Amino acid sequence: MYDRESIRQRLAQILEAETDLRPPSLEDGIALEEGLGLDSLDLSSLVLRVEDFYRIRLSQTDIREAKTVGLLLDLIVGKLAKAMSQRRVA
């Protein structure tokens, strides 16, 4: 299973690949839009790459509510946990 720090590192890699941003750190409290300067296109691209890599789906509501790096990490961790539990049941 993925841990929070490995997901944070993957987010940093995706951000760099998609936006050429290389933030010194992705602290939980950093706002995605204001703190990292992401626009709606950047966020959409980030979400698509995250969904692709982790094989999860993030709803538009989920994405709107994930205003910070920490909230986005919480969302991804939660979706991964749910996906893993569903795979074990199936």
N, C-alpha and C. Protein backbone atom coordinates (compact mmCIF):
# COMPACT_ATOMS: atom_id res chain seq x y z
N MET A 1 0.84 -1.19 0.00
CA MET A 1 0.00 0.00 0.00
C MET A 1 0.88 1.25 0.00
N TYR A 2 0.36 2.31 -0.54
CA TYR A 2 1.10 3.56 -0.62
C TYR A 2 1.01 4.31 0.70
N ASP A 3 2.13 4.89 1.10
CA ASP A 3 2.08 5.72 2.30
C ASP A 3 2.02 7.18 1.88
N ARG A 4 1.66 8.01 2.82
CA ARG A 4 1.44 9.44 2.55
C ARG A 4 2.68 10.11 1.94
N GLU A 5 3.86 9.77 2.42
CA GLU A 5 5.07 10.42 1.92
C GLU A 5 5.41 10.00 0.50
N SER A 6 5.15 8.75 0.16
CA SER A 6 5.40 8.32 -1.22
C SER A 6 4.41 9.00 -2.17
N ILE A 7 3.19 9.22 -1.70
CA ILE A 7 2.20 9.93 -2.51
C ILE A 7 2.62 11.39 -2.68
N ARG A 8 3.13 12.00 -1.60
CA ARG A 8 3.61 13.38 -1.67
C ARG A 8 4.75 13.50 -2.71
N GLN A 9 5.65 12.53 -2.70
CA GLN A 9 6.75 12.54 -3.67
C GLN A 9 6.24 12.39 -5.09
N ARG A 10 5.25 11.53 -5.28
CA ARG A 10 4.66 11.35 -6.61
C ARG A 10 3.98 12.64 -7.06
N LEU A 11 3.28 13.32 -6.17
CA LEU A 11 2.66 14.60 -6.51
C LEU A 11 3.71 15.62 -6.97
N ALA A 12 4.82 15.64 -6.26
CA ALA A 12 5.91 16.56 -6.63
C ALA A 12 6.42 16.23 -8.03
N GLN A 13 6.57 14.95 -8.34
CA GLN A 13 7.03 14.54 -9.67
C GLN A 13 6.02 14.93 -10.75
N ILE A 14 4.75 14.72 -10.46
CA ILE A 14 3.71 15.06 -11.43
C ILE A 14 3.68 16.57 -11.65
N LEU A 15 3.75 17.33 -10.55
CA LEU A 15 3.75 18.79 -10.68
C LEU A 15 4.91 19.27 -11.55
N GLU A 16 6.06 18.71 -11.31
CA GLU A 16 7.23 19.12 -12.09
C GLU A 16 7.05 18.76 -13.57
N ALA A 17 6.56 17.57 -13.83
CA ALA A 17 6.37 17.13 -15.22
C ALA A 17 5.28 17.91 -15.94
N GLU A 18 4.21 18.23 -15.23
CA GLU A 18 3.06 18.88 -15.86
C GLU A 18 3.17 20.40 -15.92
N THR A 19 3.81 21.00 -14.93
CA THR A 19 3.77 22.47 -14.83
C THR A 19 5.15 23.11 -14.79
N ASP A 20 6.19 22.31 -14.76
CA ASP A 20 7.55 22.81 -14.59
C ASP A 20 7.78 23.46 -13.23
N LEU A 21 6.83 23.29 -12.31
CA LEU A 21 7.00 23.77 -10.94
C LEU A 21 7.86 22.78 -10.17
N ARG A 22 8.75 23.31 -9.40
CA ARG A 22 9.55 22.44 -8.54
C ARG A 22 9.58 23.08 -7.15
N PRO A 23 8.46 22.91 -6.43
CA PRO A 23 8.40 23.53 -5.11
C PRO A 23 9.44 22.91 -4.18
N PRO A 24 10.04 23.73 -3.31
CA PRO A 24 11.06 23.20 -2.39
C PRO A 24 10.49 22.10 -1.50
N SER A 25 9.23 22.22 -1.15
CA SER A 25 8.57 21.17 -0.38
C SER A 25 7.08 21.27 -0.61
N LEU A 26 6.40 20.19 -0.41
CA LEU A 26 4.95 20.18 -0.54
C LEU A 26 4.35 19.98 0.85
N GLU A 27 4.42 21.02 1.65
CA GLU A 27 3.87 20.97 3.01
C GLU A 27 2.36 20.88 2.94
N ASP A 28 1.76 20.24 3.93
CA ASP A 28 0.32 20.04 3.96
C ASP A 28 -0.48 21.33 3.84
N GLY A 29 0.00 22.41 4.43
CA GLY A 29 -0.76 23.65 4.46
C GLY A 29 -0.69 24.50 3.22
N ILE A 30 0.10 24.12 2.24
CA ILE A 30 0.25 24.93 1.03
C ILE A 30 -1.02 24.81 0.18
N ALA A 31 -1.58 25.97 -0.17
CA ALA A 31 -2.76 26.01 -1.04
C ALA A 31 -2.35 25.64 -2.46
N LEU A 32 -3.17 24.82 -3.10
CA LEU A 32 -2.85 24.38 -4.46
C LEU A 32 -2.88 25.54 -5.45
N GLU A 33 -3.89 26.38 -5.35
CA GLU A 33 -4.00 27.47 -6.31
C GLU A 33 -3.11 28.65 -5.92
N GLU A 34 -3.34 29.20 -4.74
CA GLU A 34 -2.60 30.39 -4.34
C GLU A 34 -1.14 30.08 -4.00
N GLY A 35 -0.91 29.03 -3.26
CA GLY A 35 0.44 28.70 -2.81
C GLY A 35 1.34 28.17 -3.91
N LEU A 36 0.78 27.32 -4.77
CA LEU A 36 1.58 26.74 -5.85
C LEU A 36 1.33 27.43 -7.19
N GLY A 37 0.32 28.28 -7.24
CA GLY A 37 0.03 29.00 -8.47
C GLY A 37 -0.62 28.15 -9.55
N LEU A 38 -1.32 27.10 -9.14
CA LEU A 38 -1.97 26.24 -10.13
C LEU A 38 -3.28 26.86 -10.60
N ASP A 39 -3.52 26.82 -11.89
CA ASP A 39 -4.81 27.25 -12.40
C ASP A 39 -5.68 26.01 -12.64
N SER A 40 -6.88 26.22 -13.15
CA SER A 40 -7.80 25.09 -13.32
C SER A 40 -7.26 24.05 -14.30
N LEU A 41 -6.56 24.47 -15.32
CA LEU A 41 -5.96 23.53 -16.27
C LEU A 41 -4.86 22.69 -15.60
N ASP A 42 -4.03 23.35 -14.81
CA ASP A 42 -2.98 22.64 -14.07
C ASP A 42 -3.59 21.61 -13.12
N LEU A 43 -4.65 22.02 -12.41
CA LEU A 43 -5.31 21.10 -11.47
C LEU A 43 -5.92 19.91 -12.20
N SER A 44 -6.56 20.18 -13.33
CA SER A 44 -7.15 19.09 -14.11
C SER A 44 -6.09 18.10 -14.57
N SER A 45 -4.99 18.62 -15.04
CA SER A 45 -3.89 17.78 -15.49
C SER A 45 -3.32 16.96 -14.34
N LEU A 46 -3.13 17.60 -13.19
CA LEU A 46 -2.64 16.91 -11.99
C LEU A 46 -3.58 15.78 -11.60
N VAL A 47 -4.86 16.07 -11.58
CA VAL A 47 -5.86 15.07 -11.20
C VAL A 47 -5.86 13.89 -12.17
N LEU A 48 -5.79 14.18 -13.45
CA LEU A 48 -5.77 13.09 -14.44
C LEU A 48 -4.56 12.19 -14.26
N ARG A 49 -3.41 12.78 -14.01
CA ARG A 49 -2.19 11.99 -13.81
C ARG A 49 -2.28 11.16 -12.52
N VAL A 50 -2.84 11.76 -11.46
CA VAL A 50 -3.01 11.03 -10.19
C VAL A 50 -3.97 9.86 -10.40
N GLU A 51 -5.09 10.12 -11.06
CA GLU A 51 -6.07 9.06 -11.32
C GLU A 51 -5.44 7.94 -12.13
N ASP A 52 -4.70 8.30 -13.14
CA ASP A 52 -4.04 7.31 -13.99
C ASP A 52 -3.04 6.46 -13.22
N PHE A 53 -2.19 7.13 -12.46
CA PHE A 53 -1.13 6.42 -11.75
C PHE A 53 -1.69 5.49 -10.68
N TYR A 54 -2.64 5.99 -9.89
CA TYR A 54 -3.16 5.21 -8.76
C TYR A 54 -4.40 4.40 -9.10
N ARG A 55 -4.92 4.58 -10.31
CA ARG A 55 -6.12 3.86 -10.75
C ARG A 55 -7.29 4.11 -9.80
N ILE A 56 -7.52 5.39 -9.54
CA ILE A 56 -8.64 5.82 -8.72
C ILE A 56 -9.39 6.90 -9.47
N ARG A 57 -10.58 7.25 -9.00
CA ARG A 57 -11.36 8.34 -9.58
C ARG A 57 -11.63 9.38 -8.50
N LEU A 58 -11.41 10.63 -8.86
CA LEU A 58 -11.66 11.75 -7.97
C LEU A 58 -12.79 12.57 -8.56
N SER A 59 -13.85 12.78 -7.79
CA SER A 59 -14.99 13.54 -8.31
C SER A 59 -14.67 15.03 -8.32
N GLN A 60 -15.43 15.77 -9.08
CA GLN A 60 -15.26 17.22 -9.12
C GLN A 60 -15.46 17.83 -7.74
N THR A 61 -16.40 17.30 -6.98
CA THR A 61 -16.64 17.77 -5.61
C THR A 61 -15.41 17.53 -4.75
N ASP A 62 -14.84 16.34 -4.86
CA ASP A 62 -13.62 16.03 -4.11
C ASP A 62 -12.52 17.03 -4.42
N ILE A 63 -12.36 17.29 -5.69
CA ILE A 63 -11.27 18.16 -6.14
C ILE A 63 -11.48 19.59 -5.65
N ARG A 64 -12.72 20.08 -5.73
CA ARG A 64 -13.02 21.44 -5.26
C ARG A 64 -12.74 21.58 -3.76
N GLU A 65 -12.98 20.53 -3.01
CA GLU A 65 -12.79 20.58 -1.55
C GLU A 65 -11.32 20.44 -1.16
N ALA A 66 -10.51 19.87 -2.01
CA ALA A 66 -9.09 19.66 -1.70
C ALA A 66 -8.32 20.93 -2.07
N LYS A 67 -8.36 21.90 -1.20
CA LYS A 67 -7.76 23.21 -1.47
C LYS A 67 -6.27 23.26 -1.16
N THR A 68 -5.79 22.32 -0.35
CA THR A 68 -4.38 22.34 0.06
C THR A 68 -3.73 21.01 -0.29
N VAL A 69 -2.41 20.99 -0.23
CA VAL A 69 -1.66 19.76 -0.47
C VAL A 69 -2.11 18.68 0.52
N GLY A 70 -2.26 19.05 1.78
CA GLY A 70 -2.66 18.08 2.80
C GLY A 70 -4.03 17.48 2.53
N LEU A 71 -4.98 18.32 2.13
CA LEU A 71 -6.32 17.82 1.83
C LEU A 71 -6.32 16.93 0.60
N LEU A 72 -5.50 17.27 -0.39
CA LEU A 72 -5.38 16.42 -1.57
C LEU A 72 -4.76 15.07 -1.20
N LEU A 73 -3.74 15.09 -0.35
CA LEU A 73 -3.13 13.84 0.11
C LEU A 73 -4.14 13.00 0.88
N ASP A 74 -4.92 13.64 1.76
CA ASP A 74 -5.97 12.92 2.51
C ASP A 74 -6.95 12.26 1.55
N LEU A 75 -7.35 12.99 0.53
CA LEU A 75 -8.29 12.48 -0.46
C LEU A 75 -7.72 11.26 -1.18
N ILE A 76 -6.49 11.36 -1.64
CA ILE A 76 -5.85 10.25 -2.36
C ILE A 76 -5.68 9.04 -1.46
N VAL A 77 -5.20 9.26 -0.24
CA VAL A 77 -5.03 8.16 0.71
C VAL A 77 -6.36 7.47 0.97
N GLY A 78 -7.42 8.26 1.17
CA GLY A 78 -8.75 7.70 1.41
C GLY A 78 -9.26 6.90 0.23
N LYS A 79 -9.08 7.42 -0.97
CA LYS A 79 -9.53 6.71 -2.17
C LYS A 79 -8.74 5.41 -2.37
N LEU A 80 -7.45 5.46 -2.09
CA LEU A 80 -6.63 4.25 -2.22
C LEU A 80 -7.04 3.19 -1.21
N ALA A 81 -7.31 3.61 0.02
CA ALA A 81 -7.75 2.67 1.05
C ALA A 81 -9.07 2.02 0.66
N LYS A 82 -9.99 2.83 0.15
CA LYS A 82 -11.28 2.30 -0.28
C LYS A 82 -11.12 1.34 -1.44
N ALA A 83 -10.28 1.69 -2.40
CA ALA A 83 -10.04 0.82 -3.55
C ALA A 83 -9.42 -0.50 -3.12
N MET A 84 -8.47 -0.42 -2.19
CA MET A 84 -7.81 -1.65 -1.71
C MET A 84 -8.82 -2.55 -0.99
N SER A 85 -9.67 -1.99 -0.18
CA SER A 85 -10.66 -2.80 0.54
C SER A 85 -11.66 -3.42 -0.41
N GLN A 86 -12.02 -2.70 -1.46
CA GLN A 86 -12.94 -3.25 -2.46
C GLN A 86 -12.30 -4.37 -3.25
N ARG A 87 -11.01 -4.26 -3.52
CA ARG A 87 -10.31 -5.31 -4.26
C ARG A 87 -10.20 -6.58 -3.43
N ARG A 88 -10.02 -6.42 -2.12
CA ARG A 88 -9.92 -7.60 -1.24
C ARG A 88 -11.24 -8.34 -1.16
N VAL A 89 -12.35 -7.59 -1.19
CA VAL A 89 -13.68 -8.19 -1.10
C VAL A 89 -14.02 -8.92 -2.39
N ALA A 90 -13.62 -8.37 -3.51
CA ALA A 90 -13.97 -8.94 -4.82
C ALA A 90 -13.26 -10.22 -5.12
